Amino acid sequence: MSTEYNVIIYDLPNTDRSKVRPKHVAAIPPVVPNPVRSAGAIYTDETKTKFAGSAFHLVANSKDEVIEFLKKDIYYKEGIWDINNVVINPIGVAVRLPKKMDGVDESNYKI
């Protein structure tokens, strides 16, 4: 049975995701909404100028499946994400408001 997980994964210290960020962003639309229900960057400052990591709501059968999904991402492959300290918790979403990203439209929403 699938569960929705809240996932927080921080960047390793002194890493720069900007070089591979276009590849990361390009990989998002095909995985929305399965398994990714929401995703975005975490910042260290309120002006959103310095990345701290990423946050997801992700549907999976287990925490191990979440880890396998993260390991396919360019941020993991390029040594950006701190996979050894990822936080993964089951979540019960009470409300979800829509927000669109370029490249994600109604054709993506076949669950």
PDB file of N, CA and C in Angstrom:
ATOM      1  N   MET A   1       0.835  -1.184   0.000  1.00  0.00           N
ATOM      2  CA  MET A   1       0.000   0.000   0.000  1.00  0.00           C
ATOM      3  C   MET A   1       0.879   1.247   0.000  1.00  0.00           C
ATOM      4  N   SER A   2       0.596   2.171  -0.890  1.00  0.00           N
ATOM      5  CA  SER A   2       1.399   3.392  -0.995  1.00  0.00           C
ATOM      6  C   SER A   2       1.085   4.358   0.134  1.00  0.00           C
ATOM      7  N   THR A   3       2.103   5.075   0.536  1.00  0.00           N
ATOM      8  CA  THR A   3       2.010   6.088   1.577  1.00  0.00           C
ATOM      9  C   THR A   3       2.613   7.371   1.032  1.00  0.00           C
ATOM     10  N   GLU A   4       2.072   8.507   1.452  1.00  0.00           N
ATOM     11  CA  GLU A   4       2.691   9.777   1.095  1.00  0.00           C
ATOM     12  C   GLU A   4       3.669  10.155   2.203  1.00  0.00           C
ATOM     13  N   TYR A   5       4.870  10.504   1.791  1.00  0.00           N
ATOM     14  CA  TYR A   5       5.939  10.857   2.729  1.00  0.00           C
ATOM     15  C   TYR A   5       6.329  12.319   2.567  1.00  0.00           C
ATOM     16  N   ASN A   6       6.659  12.940   3.691  1.00  0.00           N
ATOM     17  CA  ASN A   6       7.286  14.253   3.702  1.00  0.00           C
ATOM     18  C   ASN A   6       8.791  13.983   3.740  1.00  0.00           C
ATOM     19  N   VAL A   7       9.520  14.532   2.786  1.00  0.00           N
ATOM     20  CA  VAL A   7      10.948  14.262   2.649  1.00  0.00           C
ATOM     21  C   VAL A   7      11.704  15.578   2.698  1.00  0.00           C
ATOM     22  N   ILE A   8      12.692  15.647   3.572  1.00  0.00           N
ATOM     23  CA  ILE A   8      13.577  16.805   3.639  1.00  0.00           C
ATOM     24  C   ILE A   8      14.999  16.291   3.474  1.00  0.00           C
ATOM     25  N   ILE A   9      15.676  16.825   2.472  1.00  0.00           N
ATOM     26  CA  ILE A   9      17.053  16.417   2.213  1.00  0.00           C
ATOM     27  C   ILE A   9      17.905  17.682   2.030  1.00  0.00           C
ATOM     28  N   TYR A  10      18.897  17.810   2.875  1.00  0.00           N
ATOM     29  CA  TYR A  10      19.754  18.991   2.831  1.00  0.00           C
ATOM     30  C   TYR A  10      20.921  18.782   1.877  1.00  0.00           C
ATOM     31  N   ASP A  11      21.443  19.887   1.372  1.00  0.00           N
ATOM     32  CA  ASP A  11      22.655  19.850   0.566  1.00  0.00           C
ATOM     33  C   ASP A  11      23.853  19.665   1.486  1.00  0.00           C
ATOM     34  N   LEU A  12      24.857  18.976   0.993  1.00  0.00           N
ATOM     35  CA  LEU A  12      26.102  18.848   1.741  1.00  0.00           C
ATOM     36  C   LEU A  12      26.782  20.213   1.830  1.00  0.00           C
ATOM     37  N   PRO A  13      27.548  20.451   2.885  1.00  0.00           N
ATOM     38  CA  PRO A  13      28.231  21.746   3.021  1.00  0.00           C
ATOM     39  C   PRO A  13      29.135  22.037   1.822  1.00  0.00           C
ATOM     40  N   ASN A  14      29.184  23.289   1.459  1.00  0.00           N
ATOM     41  CA  ASN A  14      30.083  23.793   0.413  1.00  0.00           C
ATOM     42  C   ASN A  14      29.845  23.167  -0.958  1.00  0.00           C
ATOM     43  N   THR A  15      28.595  22.785  -1.245  1.00  0.00           N
ATOM     44  CA  THR A  15      28.273  22.287  -2.576  1.00  0.00           C
ATOM     45  C   THR A  15      27.521  23.370  -3.336  1.00  0.00           C
ATOM     46  N   ASP A  16      27.592  23.310  -4.649  1.00  0.00           N
ATOM     47  CA  ASP A  16      26.930  24.286  -5.509  1.00  0.00           C
ATOM     48  C   ASP A  16      26.025  23.568  -6.491  1.00  0.00           C
ATOM     49  N   ARG A  17      24.724  23.629  -6.229  1.00  0.00           N
ATOM     50  CA  ARG A  17      23.765  22.939  -7.085  1.00  0.00           C
ATOM     51  C   ARG A  17      23.487  23.681  -8.382  1.00  0.00           C
ATOM     52  N   SER A  18      23.922  24.921  -8.502  1.00  0.00           N
ATOM     53  CA  SER A  18      23.556  25.749  -9.655  1.00  0.00           C
ATOM     54  C   SER A  18      24.014  25.144 -10.987  1.00  0.00           C
ATOM     55  N   LYS A  19      25.141  24.439 -10.994  1.00  0.00           N
ATOM     56  CA  LYS A  19      25.661  23.865 -12.244  1.00  0.00           C
ATOM     57  C   LYS A  19      24.753  22.782 -12.814  1.00  0.00           C
ATOM     58  N   VAL A  20      24.102  22.006 -11.949  1.00  0.00           N
ATOM     59  CA  VAL A  20      23.252  20.903 -12.416  1.00  0.00           C
ATOM     60  C   VAL A  20      21.765  21.176 -12.197  1.00  0.00           C
ATOM     61  N   ARG A  21      21.433  22.341 -11.675  1.00  0.00           N
ATOM     62  CA  ARG A  21      20.034  22.663 -11.392  1.00  0.00           C
ATOM     63  C   ARG A  21      19.131  22.564 -12.629  1.00  0.00           C
ATOM     64  N   PRO A  22      19.551  23.021 -13.812  1.00  0.00           N
ATOM     65  CA  PRO A  22      18.674  22.866 -14.985  1.00  0.00           C
ATOM     66  C   PRO A  22      18.284  21.410 -15.261  1.00  0.00           C
ATOM     67  N   LYS A  23      19.213  20.474 -15.085  1.00  0.00           N
ATOM     68  CA  LYS A  23      18.898  19.052 -15.280  1.00  0.00           C
ATOM     69  C   LYS A  23      17.930  18.570 -14.208  1.00  0.00           C
ATOM     70  N   HIS A  24      18.125  19.019 -12.985  1.00  0.00           N
ATOM     71  CA  HIS A  24      17.223  18.642 -11.887  1.00  0.00           C
ATOM     72  C   HIS A  24      15.807  19.142 -12.170  1.00  0.00           C
ATOM     73  N   VAL A  25      15.677  20.407 -12.525  1.00  0.00           N
ATOM     74  CA  VAL A  25      14.362  21.006 -12.780  1.00  0.00           C
ATOM     75  C   VAL A  25      13.688  20.340 -13.988  1.00  0.00           C
ATOM     76  N   ALA A  26      14.451  20.020 -15.015  1.00  0.00           N
ATOM     77  CA  ALA A  26      13.887  19.369 -16.205  1.00  0.00           C
ATOM     78  C   ALA A  26      13.326  17.985 -15.886  1.00  0.00           C
ATOM     79  N   ALA A  27      13.844  17.343 -14.851  1.00  0.00           N
ATOM     80  CA  ALA A  27      13.393  15.995 -14.494  1.00  0.00           C
ATOM     81  C   ALA A  27      12.124  15.994 -13.644  1.00  0.00           C
ATOM     82  N   ILE A  28      11.659  17.152 -13.207  1.00  0.00           N
ATOM     83  CA  ILE A  28      10.499  17.208 -12.319  1.00  0.00           C
ATOM     84  C   ILE A  28       9.177  16.911 -13.033  1.00  0.00           C
ATOM     85  N   PRO A  29       8.837  17.572 -14.141  1.00  0.00           N
ATOM     86  CA  PRO A  29       7.504  17.353 -14.735  1.00  0.00           C
ATOM     87  C   PRO A  29       7.122  15.897 -14.987  1.00  0.00           C
ATOM     88  N   PRO A  30       8.019  15.048 -15.489  1.00  0.00           N
ATOM     89  CA  PRO A  30       7.606  13.666 -15.745  1.00  0.00           C
ATOM     90  C   PRO A  30       7.222  12.857 -14.501  1.00  0.00           C
ATOM     91  N   VAL A  31       7.638  13.290 -13.311  1.00  0.00           N
ATOM     92  CA  VAL A  31       7.354  12.527 -12.090  1.00  0.00           C
ATOM     93  C   VAL A  31       6.231  13.140 -11.253  1.00  0.00           C
ATOM     94  N   VAL A  32       5.545  14.147 -11.800  1.00  0.00           N
ATOM     95  CA  VAL A  32       4.408  14.775 -11.116  1.00  0.00           C
ATOM     96  C   VAL A  32       3.135  14.272 -11.770  1.00  0.00           C
ATOM     97  N   PRO A  33       2.170  13.766 -11.056  1.00  0.00           N
ATOM     98  CA  PRO A  33       2.083  13.616  -9.605  1.00  0.00           C
ATOM     99  C   PRO A  33       2.516  12.244  -9.101  1.00  0.00           C
ATOM    100  N   ASN A  34       3.062  11.403  -9.952  1.00  0.00           N
ATOM    101  CA  ASN A  34       3.515  10.093  -9.503  1.00  0.00           C
ATOM    102  C   ASN A  34       4.997   9.930  -9.704  1.00  0.00           C
ATOM    103  N   PRO A  35       5.795   9.862  -8.695  1.00  0.00           N
ATOM    104  CA  PRO A  35       5.433   9.800  -7.292  1.00  0.00           C
ATOM    105  C   PRO A  35       5.424  11.140  -6.566  1.00  0.00           C
ATOM    106  N   VAL A  36       5.867  12.217  -7.222  1.00  0.00           N
ATOM    107  CA  VAL A  36       6.002  13.508  -6.544  1.00  0.00           C
ATOM    108  C   VAL A  36       4.674  14.255  -6.532  1.00  0.00           C
ATOM    109  N   ARG A  37       4.200  14.570  -5.350  1.00  0.00           N
ATOM    110  CA  ARG A  37       2.964  15.340  -5.208  1.00  0.00           C
ATOM    111  C   ARG A  37       3.261  16.824  -5.015  1.00  0.00           C
ATOM    112  N   SER A  38       4.388  17.136  -4.419  1.00  0.00           N
ATOM    113  CA  SER A  38       4.849  18.522  -4.322  1.00  0.00           C
ATOM    114  C   SER A  38       6.356  18.477  -4.086  1.00  0.00           C
ATOM    115  N   ALA A  39       7.038  19.532  -4.514  1.00  0.00           N
ATOM    116  CA  ALA A  39       8.491  19.587  -4.365  1.00  0.00           C
ATOM    117  C   ALA A  39       8.956  21.026  -4.443  1.00  0.00           C
ATOM    118  N   GLY A  40      10.056  21.306  -3.786  1.00  0.00           N
ATOM    119  CA  GLY A  40      10.620  22.644  -3.859  1.00  0.00           C
ATOM    120  C   GLY A  40      11.930  22.741  -3.103  1.00  0.00           C
ATOM    121  N   ALA A  41      12.581  23.851  -3.294  1.00  0.00           N
ATOM    122  CA  ALA A  41      13.863  24.103  -2.639  1.00  0.00           C
ATOM    123  C   ALA A  41      13.640  24.598  -1.218  1.00  0.00           C
ATOM    124  N   ILE A  42      14.636  24.340  -0.388  1.00  0.00           N
ATOM    125  CA  ILE A  42      14.719  24.920   0.953  1.00  0.00           C
ATOM    126  C   ILE A  42      15.867  25.928   0.893  1.00  0.00           C
ATOM    127  N   TYR A  43      15.652  27.079   1.493  1.00  0.00           N
ATOM    128  CA  TYR A  43      16.663  28.139   1.485  1.00  0.00           C
ATOM    129  C   TYR A  43      17.157  28.428   2.900  1.00  0.00           C
ATOM    130  N   THR A  44      18.335  29.012   2.984  1.00  0.00           N
ATOM    131  CA  THR A  44      18.879  29.388   4.294  1.00  0.00           C
ATOM    132  C   THR A  44      18.430  30.785   4.704  1.00  0.00           C
ATOM    133  N   ASP A  45      17.905  31.548   3.752  1.00  0.00           N
ATOM    134  CA  ASP A  45      17.530  32.934   4.032  1.00  0.00           C
ATOM    135  C   ASP A  45      16.144  33.240   3.454  1.00  0.00           C
ATOM    136  N   GLU A  46      15.489  34.209   4.029  1.00  0.00           N
ATOM    137  CA  GLU A  46      14.138  34.566   3.593  1.00  0.00           C
ATOM    138  C   GLU A  46      14.089  35.225   2.226  1.00  0.00           C
ATOM    139  N   THR A  47      15.205  35.717   1.743  1.00  0.00           N
ATOM    140  CA  THR A  47      15.232  36.309   0.398  1.00  0.00           C
ATOM    141  C   THR A  47      15.468  35.241  -0.679  1.00  0.00           C
ATOM    142  N   LYS A  48      15.622  34.003  -0.237  1.00  0.00           N
ATOM    143  CA  LYS A  48      15.777  32.852  -1.138  1.00  0.00           C
ATOM    144  C   LYS A  48      16.953  33.001  -2.103  1.00  0.00           C
ATOM    145  N   THR A  49      18.097  33.343  -1.548  1.00  0.00           N
ATOM    146  CA  THR A  49      19.289  33.499  -2.379  1.00  0.00           C
ATOM    147  C   THR A  49      20.297  32.373  -2.201  1.00  0.00           C
ATOM    148  N   LYS A  50      20.166  31.581  -1.105  1.00  0.00           N
ATOM    149  CA  LYS A  50      21.113  30.493  -0.875  1.00  0.00           C
ATOM    150  C   LYS A  50      20.355  29.209  -0.549  1.00  0.00           C
ATOM    151  N   PHE A  51      20.612  28.177  -1.376  1.00  0.00           N
ATOM    152  CA  PHE A  51      19.939  26.900  -1.198  1.00  0.00           C
ATOM    153  C   PHE A  51      20.452  26.167   0.037  1.00  0.00           C
ATOM    154  N   ALA A  52      19.524  25.512   0.739  1.00  0.00           N
ATOM    155  CA  ALA A  52      19.883  24.662   1.873  1.00  0.00           C
ATOM    156  C   ALA A  52      19.615  23.199   1.553  1.00  0.00           C
ATOM    157  N   GLY A  53      18.650  22.941   0.647  1.00  0.00           N
ATOM    158  CA  GLY A  53      18.291  21.570   0.317  1.00  0.00           C
ATOM    159  C   GLY A  53      16.978  21.544  -0.438  1.00  0.00           C
ATOM    160  N   SER A  54      16.251  20.422  -0.303  1.00  0.00           N
ATOM    161  CA  SER A  54      14.992  20.233  -1.018  1.00  0.00           C
ATOM    162  C   SER A  54      13.964  19.583  -0.099  1.00  0.00           C
ATOM    163  N   ALA A  55      12.688  19.821  -0.416  1.00  0.00           N
ATOM    164  CA  ALA A  55      11.580  19.216   0.317  1.00  0.00           C
ATOM    165  C   ALA A  55      10.599  18.632  -0.682  1.00  0.00           C
ATOM    166  N   PHE A  56      10.028  17.479  -0.340  1.00  0.00           N
ATOM    167  CA  PHE A  56       9.092  16.773  -1.217  1.00  0.00           C
ATOM    168  C   PHE A  56       7.911  16.247  -0.423  1.00  0.00           C
ATOM    169  N   HIS A  57       6.822  16.048  -1.103  1.00  0.00           N
ATOM    170  CA  HIS A  57       5.786  15.100  -0.709  1.00  0.00           C
ATOM    171  C   HIS A  57       5.823  14.061  -1.810  1.00  0.00           C
ATOM    172  N   LEU A  58       6.045  12.827  -1.420  1.00  0.00           N
ATOM    173  CA  LEU A  58       6.345  11.766  -2.359  1.00  0.00           C
ATOM    174  C   LEU A  58       5.562  10.509  -1.991  1.00  0.00           C
ATOM    175  N   VAL A  59       4.922   9.884  -2.966  1.00  0.00           N
ATOM    176  CA  VAL A  59       4.181   8.647  -2.734  1.00  0.00           C
ATOM    177  C   VAL A  59       5.100   7.467  -3.026  1.00  0.00           C
ATOM    178  N   ALA A  60       5.159   6.539  -2.064  1.00  0.00           N
ATOM    179  CA  ALA A  60       6.014   5.362  -2.214  1.00  0.00           C
ATOM    180  C   ALA A  60       5.466   4.232  -1.351  1.00  0.00           C
ATOM    181  N   ASN A  61       5.998   3.050  -1.565  1.00  0.00           N
ATOM    182  CA  ASN A  61       5.592   1.884  -0.785  1.00  0.00           C
ATOM    183  C   ASN A  61       6.391   1.721   0.499  1.00  0.00           C
ATOM    184  N   SER A  62       7.534   2.429   0.590  1.00  0.00           N
ATOM    185  CA  SER A  62       8.384   2.312   1.771  1.00  0.00           C
ATOM    186  C   SER A  62       9.401   3.454   1.783  1.00  0.00           C
ATOM    187  N   LYS A  63      10.048   3.614   2.928  1.00  0.00           N
ATOM    188  CA  LYS A  63      11.131   4.603   3.014  1.00  0.00           C
ATOM    189  C   LYS A  63      12.286   4.218   2.095  1.00  0.00           C
ATOM    190  N   ASP A  64      12.541   2.922   1.966  1.00  0.00           N
ATOM    191  CA  ASP A  64      13.602   2.468   1.059  1.00  0.00           C
ATOM    192  C   ASP A  64      13.311   2.877  -0.381  1.00  0.00           C
ATOM    193  N   GLU A  65      12.043   2.827  -0.769  1.00  0.00           N
ATOM    194  CA  GLU A  65      11.662   3.249  -2.118  1.00  0.00           C
ATOM    195  C   GLU A  65      11.883   4.751  -2.299  1.00  0.00           C
ATOM    196  N   VAL A  66      11.655   5.524  -1.248  1.00  0.00           N
ATOM    197  CA  VAL A  66      11.937   6.968  -1.298  1.00  0.00           C
ATOM    198  C   VAL A  66      13.425   7.189  -1.543  1.00  0.00           C
ATOM    199  N   ILE A  67      14.271   6.470  -0.805  1.00  0.00           N
ATOM    200  CA  ILE A  67      15.725   6.590  -0.971  1.00  0.00           C
ATOM    201  C   ILE A  67      16.125   6.241  -2.403  1.00  0.00           C
ATOM    202  N   GLU A  68      15.567   5.189  -2.961  1.00  0.00           N
ATOM    203  CA  GLU A  68      15.886   4.797  -4.333  1.00  0.00           C
ATOM    204  C   GLU A  68      15.484   5.887  -5.327  1.00  0.00           C
ATOM    205  N   PHE A  69      14.334   6.532  -5.085  1.00  0.00           N
ATOM    206  CA  PHE A  69      13.909   7.646  -5.936  1.00  0.00           C
ATOM    207  C   PHE A  69      14.920   8.790  -5.850  1.00  0.00           C
ATOM    208  N   LEU A  70      15.339   9.144  -4.645  1.00  0.00           N
ATOM    209  CA  LEU A  70      16.293  10.241  -4.469  1.00  0.00           C
ATOM    210  C   LEU A  70      17.625   9.942  -5.146  1.00  0.00           C
ATOM    211  N   LYS A  71      18.039   8.704  -5.127  1.00  0.00           N
ATOM    212  CA  LYS A  71      19.326   8.321  -5.720  1.00  0.00           C
ATOM    213  C   LYS A  71      19.336   8.436  -7.241  1.00  0.00           C
ATOM    214  N   LYS A  72      18.180   8.554  -7.861  1.00  0.00           N
ATOM    215  CA  LYS A  72      18.102   8.737  -9.317  1.00  0.00           C
ATOM    216  C   LYS A  72      18.286  10.198  -9.723  1.00  0.00           C
ATOM    217  N   ASP A  73      18.217  11.113  -8.755  1.00  0.00           N
ATOM    218  CA  ASP A  73      18.274  12.547  -9.043  1.00  0.00           C
ATOM    219  C   ASP A  73      19.715  13.011  -9.271  1.00  0.00           C
ATOM    220  N   ILE A  74      19.869  13.969 -10.143  1.00  0.00           N
ATOM    221  CA  ILE A  74      21.179  14.540 -10.457  1.00  0.00           C
ATOM    222  C   ILE A  74      21.854  15.139  -9.217  1.00  0.00           C
ATOM    223  N   TYR A  75      21.055  15.672  -8.275  1.00  0.00           N
ATOM    224  CA  TYR A  75      21.656  16.241  -7.058  1.00  0.00           C
ATOM    225  C   TYR A  75      22.343  15.162  -6.223  1.00  0.00           C
ATOM    226  N   TYR A  76      21.774  13.976  -6.185  1.00  0.00           N
ATOM    227  CA  TYR A  76      22.435  12.877  -5.488  1.00  0.00           C
ATOM    228  C   TYR A  76      23.657  12.423  -6.284  1.00  0.00           C
ATOM    229  N   LYS A  77      23.462  12.195  -7.576  1.00  0.00           N
ATOM    230  CA  LYS A  77      24.542  11.672  -8.419  1.00  0.00           C
ATOM    231  C   LYS A  77      25.757  12.588  -8.450  1.00  0.00           C
ATOM    232  N   GLU A  78      25.527  13.895  -8.321  1.00  0.00           N
ATOM    233  CA  GLU A  78      26.631  14.866  -8.367  1.00  0.00           C
ATOM    234  C   GLU A  78      27.141  15.242  -6.971  1.00  0.00           C
ATOM    235  N   GLY A  79      26.686  14.532  -5.935  1.00  0.00           N
ATOM    236  CA  GLY A  79      27.202  14.762  -4.587  1.00  0.00           C
ATOM    237  C   GLY A  79      26.688  16.029  -3.923  1.00  0.00           C
ATOM    238  N   ILE A  80      25.500  16.469  -4.304  1.00  0.00           N
ATOM    239  CA  ILE A  80      24.912  17.668  -3.701  1.00  0.00           C
ATOM    240  C   ILE A  80      24.121  17.306  -2.436  1.00  0.00           C
ATOM    241  N   TRP A  81      23.237  16.322  -2.532  1.00  0.00           N
ATOM    242  CA  TRP A  81      22.359  15.968  -1.422  1.00  0.00           C
ATOM    243  C   TRP A  81      23.061  15.101  -0.387  1.00  0.00           C
ATOM    244  N   ASP A  82      22.743  15.354   0.877  1.00  0.00           N
ATOM    245  CA  ASP A  82      23.243  14.576   2.007  1.00  0.00           C
ATOM    246  C   ASP A  82      22.272  13.416   2.278  1.00  0.00           C
ATOM    247  N   ILE A  83      22.374  12.367   1.479  1.00  0.00           N
ATOM    248  CA  ILE A  83      21.447  11.233   1.543  1.00  0.00           C
ATOM    249  C   ILE A  83      21.524  10.501   2.882  1.00  0.00           C
ATOM    250  N   ASN A  84      22.652  10.608   3.576  1.00  0.00           N
ATOM    251  CA  ASN A  84      22.813   9.911   4.858  1.00  0.00           C
ATOM    252  C   ASN A  84      22.039  10.568   5.996  1.00  0.00           C
ATOM    253  N   ASN A  85      21.552  11.775   5.780  1.00  0.00           N
ATOM    254  CA  ASN A  85      20.806  12.486   6.823  1.00  0.00           C
ATOM    255  C   ASN A  85      19.430  12.929   6.360  1.00  0.00           C
ATOM    256  N   VAL A  86      18.883  12.267   5.343  1.00  0.00           N
ATOM    257  CA  VAL A  86      17.563  12.611   4.829  1.00  0.00           C
ATOM    258  C   VAL A  86      16.516  12.319   5.906  1.00  0.00           C
ATOM    259  N   VAL A  87      15.510  13.181   5.989  1.00  0.00           N
ATOM    260  CA  VAL A  87      14.393  13.007   6.928  1.00  0.00           C
ATOM    261  C   VAL A  87      13.184  12.559   6.113  1.00  0.00           C
ATOM    262  N   ILE A  88      12.622  11.408   6.464  1.00  0.00           N
ATOM    263  CA  ILE A  88      11.482  10.835   5.739  1.00  0.00           C
ATOM    264  C   ILE A  88      10.417  10.446   6.756  1.00  0.00           C
ATOM    265  N   ASN A  89       9.249  11.089   6.662  1.00  0.00           N
ATOM    266  CA  ASN A  89       8.150  10.783   7.569  1.00  0.00           C
ATOM    267  C   ASN A  89       6.857  10.597   6.795  1.00  0.00           C
ATOM    268  N   PRO A  90       6.030   9.608   7.196  1.00  0.00           N
ATOM    269  CA  PRO A  90       4.701   9.500   6.600  1.00  0.00           C
ATOM    270  C   PRO A  90       3.911  10.774   6.918  1.00  0.00           C
ATOM    271  N   ILE A  91       3.083  11.198   5.972  1.00  0.00           N
ATOM    272  CA  ILE A  91       2.319  12.433   6.158  1.00  0.00           C
ATOM    273  C   ILE A  91       0.870  12.203   5.754  1.00  0.00           C
ATOM    274  N   GLY A  92      -0.026  12.837   6.463  1.00  0.00           N
ATOM    275  CA  GLY A  92      -1.441  12.840   6.098  1.00  0.00           C
ATOM    276  C   GLY A  92      -1.812  14.246   5.677  1.00  0.00           C
ATOM    277  N   VAL A  93      -1.950  14.471   4.397  1.00  0.00           N
ATOM    278  CA  VAL A  93      -2.220  15.807   3.875  1.00  0.00           C
ATOM    279  C   VAL A  93      -3.692  16.146   4.090  1.00  0.00           C
ATOM    280  N   ALA A  94      -3.968  17.256   4.766  1.00  0.00           N
ATOM    281  CA  ALA A  94      -5.346  17.693   5.017  1.00  0.00           C
ATOM    282  C   ALA A  94      -5.878  18.556   3.887  1.00  0.00           C
ATOM    283  N   VAL A  95      -4.995  19.307   3.253  1.00  0.00           N
ATOM    284  CA  VAL A  95      -5.392  20.173   2.140  1.00  0.00           C
ATOM    285  C   VAL A  95      -4.202  20.331   1.207  1.00  0.00           C
ATOM    286  N   ARG A  96      -4.487  20.482  -0.075  1.00  0.00           N
ATOM    287  CA  ARG A  96      -3.425  20.687  -1.056  1.00  0.00           C
ATOM    288  C   ARG A  96      -3.933  21.723  -2.056  1.00  0.00           C
ATOM    289  N   LEU A  97      -3.263  22.830  -2.139  1.00  0.00           N
ATOM    290  CA  LEU A  97      -3.646  23.878  -3.072  1.00  0.00           C
ATOM    291  C   LEU A  97      -2.796  23.761  -4.329  1.00  0.00           C
ATOM    292  N   PRO A  98      -3.375  24.038  -5.478  1.00  0.00           N
ATOM    293  CA  PRO A  98      -2.602  23.891  -6.720  1.00  0.00           C
ATOM    294  C   PRO A  98      -1.602  25.029  -6.929  1.00  0.00           C
ATOM    295  N   LYS A  99      -0.487  24.678  -7.486  1.00  0.00           N
ATOM    296  CA  LYS A  99       0.508  25.646  -7.942  1.00  0.00           C
ATOM    297  C   LYS A  99       1.149  25.029  -9.164  1.00  0.00           C
ATOM    298  N   LYS A 100       1.249  25.781 -10.242  1.00  0.00           N
ATOM    299  CA  LYS A 100       1.767  25.227 -11.489  1.00  0.00           C
ATOM    300  C   LYS A 100       3.234  25.573 -11.687  1.00  0.00           C
ATOM    301  N   MET A 101       3.913  24.649 -12.334  1.00  0.00           N
ATOM    302  CA  MET A 101       5.301  24.823 -12.732  1.00  0.00           C
ATOM    303  C   MET A 101       5.338  24.703 -14.239  1.00  0.00           C
ATOM    304  N   ASP A 102       6.187  25.460 -14.889  1.00  0.00           N
ATOM    305  CA  ASP A 102       6.330  25.319 -16.339  1.00  0.00           C
ATOM    306  C   ASP A 102       6.617  23.858 -16.664  1.00  0.00           C
ATOM    307  N   GLY A 103       5.909  23.348 -17.640  1.00  0.00           N
ATOM    308  CA  GLY A 103       6.083  21.970 -18.067  1.00  0.00           C
ATOM    309  C   GLY A 103       5.188  20.982 -17.350  1.00  0.00           C
ATOM    310  N   VAL A 104       4.459  21.451 -16.327  1.00  0.00           N
ATOM    311  CA  VAL A 104       3.516  20.595 -15.605  1.00  0.00           C
ATOM    312  C   VAL A 104       2.131  21.133 -15.852  1.00  0.00           C
ATOM    313  N   ASP A 105       1.299  20.311 -16.475  1.00  0.00           N
ATOM    314  CA  ASP A 105      -0.079  20.727 -16.721  1.00  0.00           C
ATOM    315  C   ASP A 105      -1.011  19.554 -16.475  1.00  0.00           C
ATOM    316  N   GLU A 106      -2.269  19.713 -16.834  1.00  0.00           N
ATOM    317  CA  GLU A 106      -3.265  18.695 -16.546  1.00  0.00           C
ATOM    318  C   GLU A 106      -2.916  17.343 -17.149  1.00  0.00           C
ATOM    319  N   SER A 107      -2.160  17.305 -18.242  1.00  0.00           N
ATOM    320  CA  SER A 107      -1.806  16.018 -18.842  1.00  0.00           C
ATOM    321  C   SER A 107      -0.912  15.198 -17.919  1.00  0.00           C
ATOM    322  N   ASN A 108      -0.235  15.844 -16.963  1.00  0.00           N
ATOM    323  CA  ASN A 108       0.611  15.137 -16.007  1.00  0.00           C
ATOM    324  C   ASN A 108      -0.229  14.447 -14.922  1.00  0.00           C
ATOM    325  N   TYR A 109      -1.466  14.870 -14.753  1.00  0.00           N
ATOM    326  CA  TYR A 109      -2.254  14.433 -13.602  1.00  0.00           C
ATOM    327  C   TYR A 109      -3.089  13.204 -13.892  1.00  0.00           C
ATOM    328  N   LYS A 110      -2.417  12.126 -14.229  1.00  0.00           N
ATOM    329  CA  LYS A 110      -3.069  10.828 -14.411  1.00  0.00           C
ATOM    330  C   LYS A 110      -2.546   9.912 -13.323  1.00  0.00           C
ATOM    331  N   ILE A 111      -3.325   9.760 -12.299  1.00  0.00           N
ATOM    332  CA  ILE A 111      -2.878   8.959 -11.130  1.00  0.00           C
ATOM    333  C   ILE A 111      -3.346   7.536 -11.286  1.00  0.00           C
TER     334      ILE A 111
END
